[in-house]
Amino acid sequence: MSELETLERTLLADIDAAGDEGSIEAVRVGALGKKGSISELLKTLGTMTPEERQTRGAQINALKTTVADAITARKSALKDRAIAERLARETVDISLPVRSSPVERGRIHPISQIVDEITAIFGDMGFSIAEGPDIETDYYNFTALNFPEGHPAREMHDTFFFNEDEKGERKVLRTHTSPVQIRTMEAQDPPIRIIIPGKTYRQDSDATHSPMFHQVEGLVVDKSANVANMRWVLEEFCKAFFEVDQVTMRFRPSFFPFTEPSFEVDIQCDRSGPIVKFGEGTDWMEILGCGMVHPNVLRSGGLDPDEYQGFAWGMGLDRIAMLKYGMPDLRDFFNADVRWMNHYGFRPLDMPTLFGGLSA
C-alpha cells in the first residue's frame, strides 16, 4: 500500500470519527490547512520533474479532492444532526395552555381600585382631589380642627408622636386626613368641593383595625351649603359605590370636634348571609361620620363663618372595600400575599367608570 493510500485511509477514518462540527474542523485544518498533511505534499510539486508531476501530482490532487469532499459531506451531516437534536430538545408542547402576559397576570390592589371608584363618583359630581403631608404639625392635626387641650385623641395611646424638635414642638403622623381641609381653605377661596383620599395612622391593630389605614374625606364650603345638600351627596355616593338602585340611610346624632351638628350615618342592608347586601334587608350598618363644619374650623381656615358654611364627611377606605367585596380581615390588605391579590385584585386595564360599571 502506497504512502498516499495510507494517508487517505487515515484521513477518511478521522473524518468518519468526527462527532461534531468542532472535530471535523480540526480534521480539515490537519489535512488541508497551511501546514496540513496534504498541503505539505502539494508543496513538493515544485521540486518534481514534469514526468513525476503528471503522475504523482495527479495522485496528490485526487487525494485532496477526495478528502475535501468527504469533509464537506461529513460537516453537512453533522450540522443536520445538530439541528435535529436541538429541535428534539426544544420541542414545544402545543397542547399546553399559553402563558398569560404580564398585563393579564397583574392585579391592582383593592385600595387603589376603591380610590379610583370614589374618584370617578365624586368627579362626576364636580369634586376635585386634594392631598397633604402624612407628617403633620399638632396645629393642623388637632388645634385647627377644634380639638381642645387634653382631648383623648392627643394622647400617646392613640397617636404616633415624633420626638421634639429644636423649638420643643412634636410633629405627628396624621391621625386623619382632615388637616388637608384646613390647608385647602387657607389656599383656596370658596366655593370648595374636594375629596381627600390618603393614608392615616393610629396605634391600633386587630382584624378590623390597622396602625396604618386609608381614609377618604369630603369637604364642601359655600354660602348656602346645608344638611340637605350633604344628605343628597352621601345618598348618591352610596348608590353609585355599592351599585344599587336605592339606599335607605339614617342619620344619628353624634359628636366630632370639627363638626356641629355631627352625625353617624347608617345604611340599610341585609346581613343574614356571608356577604353584606346593600339596598335591601332590615339590618343597619354604620359606614361614615359627617356634619356641618364647625365655625371654629372655618375661622382656622381663614373663612368667616358668618358668610360661609360647609359640610364634611369621612370614612375608612379599607372598611368600605371589605364591605363591598366581602373581605373578612383588614390585615390581609397589608400582608403582600400574591394569592390574596390574585383572588381579590383587579385587572389593571379595567378602569372604573360610571357608565361601564365601577367593578365590571
Protein backbone atom coordinates (compact mmCIF):
# COMPACT_ATOMS: atom_id res chain seq x y z
CA MET A 1 0.00 0.00 0.00
CA SER A 2 1.41 3.34 -1.03
CA GLU A 3 2.02 6.35 1.24
CA LEU A 4 -0.89 8.28 -0.33
CA GLU A 5 -3.31 5.39 0.10
CA THR A 6 -2.33 5.07 3.78
CA LEU A 7 -2.82 8.81 4.33
CA GLU A 8 -6.18 8.73 2.55
CA ARG A 9 -7.39 5.87 4.66
CA THR A 10 -6.29 7.59 7.88
CA LEU A 11 -7.91 10.89 7.00
CA LEU A 12 -11.19 9.27 5.93
CA ALA A 13 -11.27 7.34 9.21
CA ASP A 14 -10.71 10.58 11.14
CA ILE A 15 -13.50 12.22 9.16
CA ASP A 16 -15.93 9.41 9.95
CA ALA A 17 -14.94 9.52 13.63
CA ALA A 18 -15.60 13.25 13.97
CA GLY A 19 -18.63 13.66 16.28
CA ASP A 20 -19.32 17.37 15.99
CA GLU A 21 -18.58 20.42 13.87
CA GLY A 22 -15.59 21.31 16.02
CA SER A 23 -13.98 17.92 15.49
CA ILE A 24 -14.47 17.92 11.71
CA GLU A 25 -12.96 21.40 11.54
CA ALA A 26 -9.88 20.09 13.35
CA VAL A 27 -9.56 17.28 10.78
CA ARG A 28 -9.84 19.81 7.94
CA VAL A 29 -7.11 22.03 9.36
CA GLY A 30 -4.88 18.97 9.94
CA ALA A 31 -5.25 17.87 6.32
CA LEU A 32 -5.88 20.98 4.22
CA GLY A 33 -4.64 23.80 6.42
CA LYS A 34 -1.45 25.75 5.68
CA LYS A 35 0.60 23.13 7.47
CA GLY A 36 -1.76 20.23 6.87
CA SER A 37 -0.53 16.85 5.67
CA ILE A 38 -1.95 17.20 2.15
CA SER A 39 -0.82 20.84 1.89
CA GLU A 40 2.75 19.74 2.70
CA LEU A 41 2.60 17.17 -0.14
CA LEU A 42 1.36 19.84 -2.56
CA LYS A 43 4.41 21.97 -1.70
CA THR A 44 6.68 19.24 -3.14
CA LEU A 45 5.20 19.56 -6.64
CA GLY A 46 7.64 22.35 -7.48
CA THR A 47 10.67 20.06 -6.98
CA MET A 48 9.36 17.27 -9.22
CA THR A 49 10.23 16.62 -12.83
CA PRO A 50 7.48 17.07 -15.42
CA GLU A 51 7.03 13.31 -15.66
CA GLU A 52 6.72 12.91 -11.87
CA ARG A 53 4.35 15.85 -11.66
CA GLN A 54 2.00 14.20 -14.15
CA THR A 55 1.66 11.02 -12.09
CA ARG A 56 2.50 11.99 -8.50
CA GLY A 57 0.85 15.42 -8.75
CA ALA A 58 -2.35 13.94 -10.14
CA GLN A 59 -2.48 11.45 -7.25
CA ILE A 60 -1.98 14.18 -4.64
CA ASN A 61 -4.68 16.41 -6.20
CA ALA A 62 -7.06 13.44 -6.35
CA LEU A 63 -6.39 12.79 -2.64
CA LYS A 64 -7.09 16.47 -1.86
CA THR A 65 -10.39 16.36 -3.76
CA THR A 66 -11.47 13.11 -2.07
CA VAL A 67 -10.68 14.38 1.42
CA ALA A 68 -12.26 17.80 0.81
CA ASP A 69 -15.49 16.20 -0.49
CA ALA A 70 -15.59 13.82 2.48
CA ILE A 71 -15.11 16.71 4.91
CA THR A 72 -17.88 18.74 3.26
CA ALA A 73 -20.28 15.78 3.35
CA ARG A 74 -19.46 14.97 6.97
CA LYS A 75 -19.78 18.61 8.04
CA SER A 76 -23.22 18.82 6.39
CA ALA A 77 -24.32 15.62 8.10
CA LEU A 78 -23.12 16.85 11.50
CA LYS A 79 -24.88 20.17 11.00
CA ASP A 80 -28.15 18.43 10.12
CA ARG A 81 -27.80 16.16 13.14
CA ALA A 82 -27.16 19.12 15.46
CA ILE A 83 -30.29 20.87 14.17
CA ALA A 84 -32.36 17.70 14.64
CA GLU A 85 -31.07 17.25 18.20
CA ARG A 86 -31.82 20.88 19.03
CA LEU A 87 -35.34 20.62 17.62
CA ALA A 88 -35.93 17.49 19.68
CA ARG A 89 -34.54 19.16 22.78
CA GLU A 90 -36.52 22.38 22.35
CA THR A 91 -39.83 20.86 21.36
CA VAL A 92 -42.85 22.95 22.37
CA ASP A 93 -45.87 21.05 23.64
CA ILE A 94 -48.63 22.90 21.82
CA SER A 95 -51.23 21.10 23.92
CA LEU A 96 -50.25 23.19 26.97
CA PRO A 97 -52.09 26.49 27.58
CA VAL A 98 -50.25 29.63 26.51
CA ARG A 99 -48.83 31.63 29.38
CA SER A 100 -50.74 34.82 30.01
CA SER A 101 -48.95 38.12 29.52
CA PRO A 102 -47.80 40.25 32.49
CA VAL A 103 -50.67 42.66 31.81
CA GLU A 104 -53.16 39.80 32.16
CA ARG A 105 -51.46 38.37 35.27
CA GLY A 106 -51.00 41.72 37.06
CA ARG A 107 -53.54 42.89 39.61
CA ILE A 108 -54.47 46.27 41.06
CA HIS A 109 -54.67 46.35 44.86
CA PRO A 110 -58.26 46.73 46.12
CA ILE A 111 -57.39 50.01 47.88
CA SER A 112 -56.15 51.50 44.61
CA GLN A 113 -59.34 50.27 42.94
CA ILE A 114 -61.52 51.81 45.65
CA VAL A 115 -59.74 55.16 45.30
CA ASP A 116 -60.36 55.07 41.53
CA GLU A 117 -64.03 54.22 42.09
CA ILE A 118 -64.54 57.03 44.59
CA THR A 119 -62.70 59.47 42.34
CA ALA A 120 -64.99 58.53 39.43
CA ILE A 121 -68.12 59.04 41.55
CA PHE A 122 -67.22 62.36 43.13
CA GLY A 123 -65.53 63.61 39.98
CA ASP A 124 -68.88 63.24 38.25
CA MET A 125 -70.38 65.47 41.00
CA GLY A 126 -67.81 68.20 40.39
CA PHE A 127 -65.35 67.40 43.20
CA SER A 128 -61.59 67.61 42.85
CA ILE A 129 -58.88 65.69 44.74
CA ALA A 130 -56.80 67.37 47.45
CA GLU A 131 -53.68 65.97 49.13
CA GLY A 132 -51.47 66.84 52.08
CA PRO A 133 -48.43 65.57 54.02
CA ASP A 134 -48.53 62.41 56.12
CA ILE A 135 -46.36 64.09 58.80
CA GLU A 136 -48.33 66.94 60.34
CA THR A 137 -47.96 69.58 63.00
CA ASP A 138 -50.05 69.50 66.13
CA TYR A 139 -51.77 72.65 64.90
CA TYR A 140 -53.11 71.20 61.63
CA ASN A 141 -53.86 67.76 63.06
CA PHE A 142 -55.59 68.91 66.25
CA THR A 143 -55.75 72.60 67.18
CA ALA A 144 -57.08 73.97 63.87
CA LEU A 145 -59.71 71.22 63.86
CA ASN A 146 -61.11 72.36 67.22
CA PHE A 147 -59.58 69.58 69.34
CA PRO A 148 -59.30 71.07 72.85
CA GLU A 149 -56.22 70.63 75.01
CA GLY A 150 -56.43 67.32 76.87
CA HIS A 151 -58.62 65.66 74.22
CA PRO A 152 -58.09 61.83 74.29
CA ALA A 153 -57.02 61.82 70.62
CA ARG A 154 -53.91 63.78 71.61
CA GLU A 155 -52.72 61.05 73.97
CA MET A 156 -49.82 58.72 73.22
CA HIS A 157 -52.03 55.62 73.27
CA ASP A 158 -53.77 56.78 70.09
CA THR A 159 -51.32 58.99 68.18
CA PHE A 160 -47.81 58.41 66.80
CA PHE A 161 -45.75 61.37 68.05
CA PHE A 162 -42.26 62.30 66.83
CA ASN A 163 -39.52 63.48 69.17
CA GLU A 164 -39.46 67.17 69.99
CA ASP A 165 -37.66 69.43 67.52
CA GLU A 166 -35.39 72.37 68.36
CA LYS A 167 -38.49 74.50 69.07
CA GLY A 168 -39.90 71.96 71.50
CA GLU A 169 -42.71 71.02 69.10
CA ARG A 170 -43.68 67.43 68.36
CA LYS A 171 -44.97 66.51 64.92
CA VAL A 172 -47.31 63.57 64.43
CA LEU A 173 -48.26 61.00 61.84
CA ARG A 174 -51.65 62.38 60.87
CA THR A 175 -54.49 60.55 62.57
CA HIS A 176 -56.98 61.56 59.86
CA THR A 177 -56.97 63.35 56.51
CA SER A 178 -58.82 66.35 58.00
CA PRO A 179 -55.68 68.57 58.16
CA VAL A 180 -55.97 68.86 54.38
CA GLN A 181 -59.29 70.63 54.89
CA ILE A 182 -57.53 73.45 56.76
CA ARG A 183 -54.70 73.63 54.22
CA THR A 184 -57.22 73.81 51.36
CA MET A 185 -59.29 76.57 52.97
CA GLU A 186 -56.11 78.56 53.58
CA ALA A 187 -55.04 78.23 49.93
CA GLN A 188 -58.34 78.35 48.05
CA ASP A 189 -61.31 80.67 48.07
CA PRO A 190 -64.83 79.19 48.25
CA PRO A 191 -66.70 77.52 46.73
CA ILE A 192 -64.72 74.43 47.73
CA ARG A 193 -65.63 70.88 46.71
CA ILE A 194 -62.87 68.38 47.44
CA ILE A 195 -62.31 64.79 48.44
CA ILE A 196 -59.17 63.76 50.31
CA PRO A 197 -58.08 60.11 49.98
CA GLY A 198 -54.92 59.13 51.80
CA LYS A 199 -53.06 57.20 54.49
CA THR A 200 -53.66 57.78 58.20
CA TYR A 201 -52.01 56.38 61.33
CA ARG A 202 -53.24 55.32 64.77
CA GLN A 203 -51.95 52.90 67.38
CA ASP A 204 -54.47 50.11 66.87
CA SER A 205 -54.29 46.65 65.31
CA ASP A 206 -56.77 43.77 65.00
CA ALA A 207 -58.96 42.12 62.34
CA THR A 208 -60.74 45.41 61.60
CA HIS A 209 -58.04 47.96 62.57
CA SER A 210 -54.52 48.64 61.37
CA PRO A 211 -51.80 51.07 62.60
CA MET A 212 -51.72 52.44 59.04
CA PHE A 213 -55.00 52.60 57.17
CA HIS A 214 -56.73 54.64 54.47
CA GLN A 215 -59.44 57.25 54.73
CA VAL A 216 -61.33 59.49 52.38
CA GLU A 217 -62.87 62.76 53.49
CA GLY A 218 -65.03 65.22 51.65
CA LEU A 219 -65.43 68.93 52.18
CA VAL A 220 -67.91 71.40 50.72
CA VAL A 221 -67.73 75.09 51.65
CA ASP A 222 -70.11 77.62 50.15
CA LYS A 223 -72.50 80.34 51.22
CA SER A 224 -75.56 78.07 51.01
CA ALA A 225 -74.23 74.58 51.90
CA ASN A 226 -76.63 72.74 54.22
CA VAL A 227 -77.55 69.35 55.69
CA ALA A 228 -79.95 68.56 52.84
CA ASN A 229 -77.13 69.02 50.31
CA MET A 230 -74.92 66.73 52.40
CA ARG A 231 -77.57 64.02 52.62
CA TRP A 232 -78.11 64.07 48.86
CA VAL A 233 -74.35 63.82 48.17
CA LEU A 234 -73.95 60.86 50.54
CA GLU A 235 -77.01 59.02 49.20
CA GLU A 236 -75.85 59.43 45.60
CA PHE A 237 -72.38 58.25 46.55
CA CYS A 238 -73.66 55.13 48.32
CA LYS A 239 -75.94 54.18 45.43
CA ALA A 240 -73.10 54.54 42.91
CA PHE A 241 -70.42 52.91 45.06
CA PHE A 242 -72.44 49.87 46.13
CA GLU A 243 -74.02 49.73 42.65
CA VAL A 244 -77.63 49.58 43.80
CA ASP A 245 -80.68 51.47 42.61
CA GLN A 246 -81.82 52.68 46.02
CA VAL A 247 -80.41 53.06 49.54
CA THR A 248 -82.05 53.92 52.82
CA MET A 249 -79.90 55.92 55.22
CA ARG A 250 -80.40 57.17 58.75
CA PHE A 251 -78.50 59.94 60.49
CA ARG A 252 -77.85 59.53 64.22
CA PRO A 253 -76.66 62.46 66.35
CA SER A 254 -73.01 62.15 67.33
CA PHE A 255 -70.05 64.30 68.31
CA PHE A 256 -66.91 65.28 66.41
CA PRO A 257 -64.82 68.30 67.48
CA PHE A 258 -64.66 69.65 63.92
CA THR A 259 -68.38 69.50 63.01
CA GLU A 260 -71.57 70.84 64.60
CA PRO A 261 -74.09 69.29 64.32
CA SER A 262 -72.42 65.89 63.84
CA PHE A 263 -73.94 62.61 62.63
CA GLU A 264 -73.14 58.93 62.35
CA VAL A 265 -74.61 57.56 59.11
CA ASP A 266 -76.09 54.05 58.88
CA ILE A 267 -77.16 52.35 55.68
CA GLN A 268 -79.88 49.70 55.49
CA CYS A 269 -78.63 46.27 54.47
CA ASP A 270 -79.07 42.51 54.69
CA ARG A 271 -76.52 40.82 56.95
CA SER A 272 -78.08 37.37 57.01
CA GLY A 273 -75.52 35.81 54.63
CA PRO A 274 -71.71 35.73 54.40
CA ILE A 275 -71.71 38.97 52.34
CA VAL A 276 -73.45 42.19 53.36
CA LYS A 277 -76.03 43.22 50.77
CA PHE A 278 -76.98 46.87 50.48
CA GLY A 279 -80.22 48.28 49.12
CA GLU A 280 -82.28 45.51 50.76
CA GLY A 281 -82.94 43.84 54.11
CA THR A 282 -83.85 45.19 57.52
CA ASP A 283 -80.43 45.47 59.18
CA TRP A 284 -78.35 48.62 59.66
CA MET A 285 -74.62 49.21 59.37
CA GLU A 286 -72.65 52.35 60.25
CA ILE A 287 -70.42 53.40 57.35
CA LEU A 288 -69.30 57.00 57.91
CA GLY A 289 -69.40 60.14 60.02
CA CYS A 290 -70.36 63.62 58.85
CA GLY A 291 -71.62 67.01 59.91
CA MET A 292 -71.65 70.74 59.28
CA VAL A 293 -68.19 72.29 59.53
CA HIS A 294 -67.69 73.85 62.95
CA PRO A 295 -67.38 77.68 62.89
CA ASN A 296 -64.00 77.44 64.69
CA VAL A 297 -62.68 75.23 61.88
CA LEU A 298 -63.81 77.74 59.28
CA ARG A 299 -62.03 80.50 61.22
CA SER A 300 -58.85 78.37 61.35
CA GLY A 301 -59.05 78.10 57.57
CA GLY A 302 -59.28 81.89 57.25
CA LEU A 303 -63.01 81.99 56.41
CA ASP A 304 -65.78 83.99 58.04
CA PRO A 305 -68.42 81.60 59.48
CA ASP A 306 -71.00 84.38 59.24
CA GLU A 307 -70.53 84.36 55.46
CA TYR A 308 -69.64 80.76 54.69
CA GLN A 309 -70.77 77.39 55.90
CA GLY A 310 -69.88 73.90 54.85
CA PHE A 311 -70.26 70.20 55.46
CA ALA A 312 -67.74 67.38 55.67
CA TRP A 313 -67.72 63.63 55.95
CA GLY A 314 -65.17 60.85 56.34
CA MET A 315 -64.99 57.09 56.01
CA GLY A 316 -62.41 54.30 56.04
CA LEU A 317 -61.43 53.12 52.56
CA ASP A 318 -60.32 49.73 53.88
CA ARG A 319 -63.63 49.26 55.67
CA ILE A 320 -65.85 50.05 52.70
CA ALA A 321 -63.66 47.83 50.49
CA MET A 322 -64.23 44.98 52.96
CA LEU A 323 -67.98 45.62 52.93
CA LYS A 324 -68.32 45.85 49.16
CA TYR A 325 -66.10 42.93 48.18
CA GLY A 326 -66.57 40.59 51.16
CA MET A 327 -63.04 40.71 52.59
CA PRO A 328 -63.08 39.35 56.16
CA ASP A 329 -59.78 40.57 57.62
CA LEU A 330 -58.25 44.03 57.29
CA ARG A 331 -54.73 42.70 57.96
CA ASP A 332 -54.74 40.85 54.64
CA PHE A 333 -54.60 44.24 52.89
CA PHE A 334 -51.02 44.70 54.11
CA ASN A 335 -49.60 41.14 54.02
CA ALA A 336 -48.43 41.28 50.37
CA ASP A 337 -49.79 37.77 49.74
CA VAL A 338 -49.85 37.15 45.98
CA ARG A 339 -52.61 34.55 46.36
CA TRP A 340 -54.82 37.13 48.09
CA MET A 341 -54.07 39.65 45.35
CA ASN A 342 -54.92 37.13 42.63
CA HIS A 343 -58.25 36.45 44.35
CA TYR A 344 -59.32 39.97 45.33
CA GLY A 345 -57.23 42.11 42.97
CA PHE A 346 -58.48 43.89 39.86
CA ARG A 347 -57.18 43.80 36.31
CA PRO A 348 -55.07 46.90 35.62
CA LEU A 349 -56.94 47.91 32.45
CA ASP A 350 -60.43 47.56 33.95
CA MET A 351 -60.77 51.22 34.86
CA PRO A 352 -63.91 52.04 36.91
CA THR A 353 -66.40 54.28 35.14
CA LEU A 354 -69.94 55.30 35.98
CA PHE A 355 -71.26 54.29 32.56
CA GLY A 356 -69.34 50.99 32.29
CA GLY A 357 -69.64 49.86 35.91
CA LEU A 358 -67.28 50.56 38.78
CA SER A 359 -66.23 46.96 39.38
CA ALA A 360 -67.13 45.44 35.99
